[in-house]
Amino acid sequence: MLGCGGGAKLRHSLTVASGFVENLCFSGIAYGWASLVFILKNDGYFSDLCDITANATDPGDIITLSGERPSDNITQSDCSGQDEQFSLVFTVASFSMNFLRFPLGFLFDRFGTMATRLLATCLYTTGTLLITVSSPEQSALLFPAISCLITSGMLFYTTNAQVGNLFDSHRSTVISVYAGAFDSSAAVFLIIKFLYERGVSFHSSFLVLSVCSVIHVFRTFFLMPKTHIPYPLPDRYAYGVSCGGRRWERGGERGEKDGGGAERKGDVNARYQKNAVLQKADRAPLQLQDKAGPSRPDQPERVTSFRSCVLSWFFLWHLVWVAVMQFCHFLFIWPTETNYFNLCLCFFLSVSQYTNAFAFTQLCGVLCGPWNGLIMDRHKGKPLAPGETKQEADLRSSSLSLFLTSLQCLLFYVCVSSPLLPLQYLTFILQVLNSAFIYGGHQAFLTIAFPGCHFGKLSGLTTSLSAVVLLLQFPVLHLIRELLHGDPIYVNVGLTLLTLLTFIHPLHVHLHCRSLASQRRARTEQEVTNSGSEVTCNRLVGM
């Protein structure tokens, strides 16, 4: 197929373009849950939990729903139970995904891309079909449906993150663009909401999404590798099914052809194996390399272990960086009426208008993602300093991205703490911008600082441990409701101060890079001194 004269560049272009579409239209759709809740409420999902009254008189306590005829108006006085159930659906789905991320990351590292994507496709199809066949009488189907959707989306995003390895000079940019597309995919449910308001059944919309599973299957077999995309990319590296039925894996490590022998195997295989050894030796965390001394290509056993990566300061501060900012974001967007921002904004916006305004800002994520990638790739194409490695240059460049992300989060929560309601539109923008920077920078930093063979496990472990921190949101929300009487000002101020912890990570990376630069200069000066001494000795001997 694409392998028949189409060239590697065409396949690479199709892979990155189709990966962008996959992330934009499918990977993060579950995070548009607020838009879907509006539809589900209108259709009566979990409506049995509402306390319905026919003659409610207090307009501050009722929600009026209209039936098919004008005389069908009913008033529902207390739907807090329904709101809590919708909140519980998303809560269960989010924590299921977060706690499963580590074993799923191990699956990705151990069994490769194809196995992970096939599992993701099965989960995605199951989730969309469950919503398609659901009804108000079977509202409980939403629990497994949203859990399947949110888990499959994260798996698609994780497998697509490696596509950046195909473009060395734009590696972090590709990862960041995918992160922005992942954020913006939440607007898919907004589109379904618009169609629903114009008479299109949301069951039909989800049936169309289910049929789109064909796209995932096609990409899995034709535009993605069976195992992983290595970095740096070996010469003549190919992947996917070609026209003759051959699947080349890992730069020709193994070739299979129906009815024929394997071709081009020997020299490509040898070149790849050498590349793989160099890759594993060079991708170890710089901190651990310093302690172990310089690595040699003939010592593949010196690849940094997963345990050493987890116990490194890089991973510790990166975990704090991700966990704190993710905690702040989840407290802001959590889909429940107890969310204090919904309570504030509903004074001048209807529920539908509010969800539309927030969902529209999610579309900006796809525009914000590339900025972070361009910052991290700004050094590509420039000559390295004497003795500097590509990994060290990448790490040095990432420190600015990490700092800007922390600064955005600080400004975001300063706006959250403000009582000025019009300022919350700026809060929406900062939330989307910061979210795109967080997830793009998170994935890019892991690919830079740690060996590629541990990417899935480290990414999964970070998410799983962050989920433990997210459990704190329940006592925080209880504190706001019960002890602070719905006023979140003190909690907001506390979270604003908490974001200051995230600045430790970029500072640590910056100081580490400065230390490495100082060591290089010292070695260079020592070599110059030794060279001068040898010249002097040779002259004396000649005399």
Foldseek 3Di string as FASTA:
>chain_A
DCVPPVDPVNLLVVLLVLLLVCLQAAQQQLLLLLLVVVVCVLQQAVVVQFAWDADDDDVVQWDWHDDPDNVRITITRDCQVVLVVSLVLVVLLQLLLQQCLQVLLVCCLPFHLLVLLVQLLVLQLQLLVLVLPDHSVRSVSSNSNSSSRNNSSVSSLLQSLQSLLVPVLLSLLSLLLSLLSNLLNNCNSVVLSVVVVVPDDSSVVSVVVSVCSVSSVCCSAANHARHGQDPNHFPQADAHQDPQRWGAHQQQCDIDGVPDDDPPRPPSNVRSVLVVLVQQQPQAFPVVCVVVDHDDSVCSVPRDDPVNVCPDPLLVLLLLLLLLLVLVLCLQSSRGPLNLLVVLVCVPDPSVRVSVLLSVLSNCSSVLRSVLSCQLSVCPPPDDDVPDDPLLSSLLSLLVLLQVLLVLSLVLLVLVLDSDSVSVSVNSNSSSNSSSSSSSSSLSVCSRRRRPSCSSNSVSVSSNVSVVSNVVSVVLSVCCVPVVVNDCNVVSVVSSVSSVSSNVNSVVSNVVSVVVVVVVVVVVVVVVVVVVVVVVVVVVVVD
